[in-house]
């Protein structure tokens, strides 16, 4: 039978973070079926969980959304950071972002309240595709395209081979299957180029499309079905 640790149950309900939930438990303010909960306690389907005398519940339906992140927004859940992505989305449920986009970058980023799928998408060995449109400060050469696609030495390693297509004199499309810190910017810098604009347009089967800047939408049933199939993943239901 599927169970949840009490701190995750409280976190998924939106009452507090996992750390905050542990504090509530330590202070004896949490009960499961009328009994004071202990750290690490498990919650089973049908159990009644109360915090400060109030019954709390978690949504049965997981939420998966796509956001067109603007430049200047930070990919963090820390509410103390001005311009954080969670405040921008302002969703009624407690969401987490899947991966990151640099503050200076824009485009597609996914958010969800399904913590299990985050690990499936971000696990490096799965090599899921992410697609970007990049503008640089000087004309793109065949040598640049070749070097980018074959791999560039950054951060003490050589990047994996990737697909690079020149779109115009200063623009190219790149499809990565890894996610090193500021990878595209570092690759370009190593080859003597400066990135002027970086936009992510796709994550696996999810496309940015014509989603307006700063806006978000729920993934469609078709998108979720294909995403789960590619991940060989089945969401747990409470």
Foldseek 3Di string as FASTA:
>chain_A
DDKDFQLLFCVQLVNDHSVVRQVQLVVQQKDWQRHRDHGRDIDDPPIFIGGNRHTTGHDQDKFKKKAWEDQQAFQDPPPVDPRHPCVLAVDPGDKHWQDTDDSRATEITMIISQVVVSCLQQVLVLQWKWKKKWFKDFFDDPVLQVDQQPFDDDPNDTFHHWHWAADDRGMIMTIGSHDDDVVVQRSQVSVPIGTPYMYIADTRPDGRPPADHSDMDTDDPVVVVVSCVSSVHDGDGD
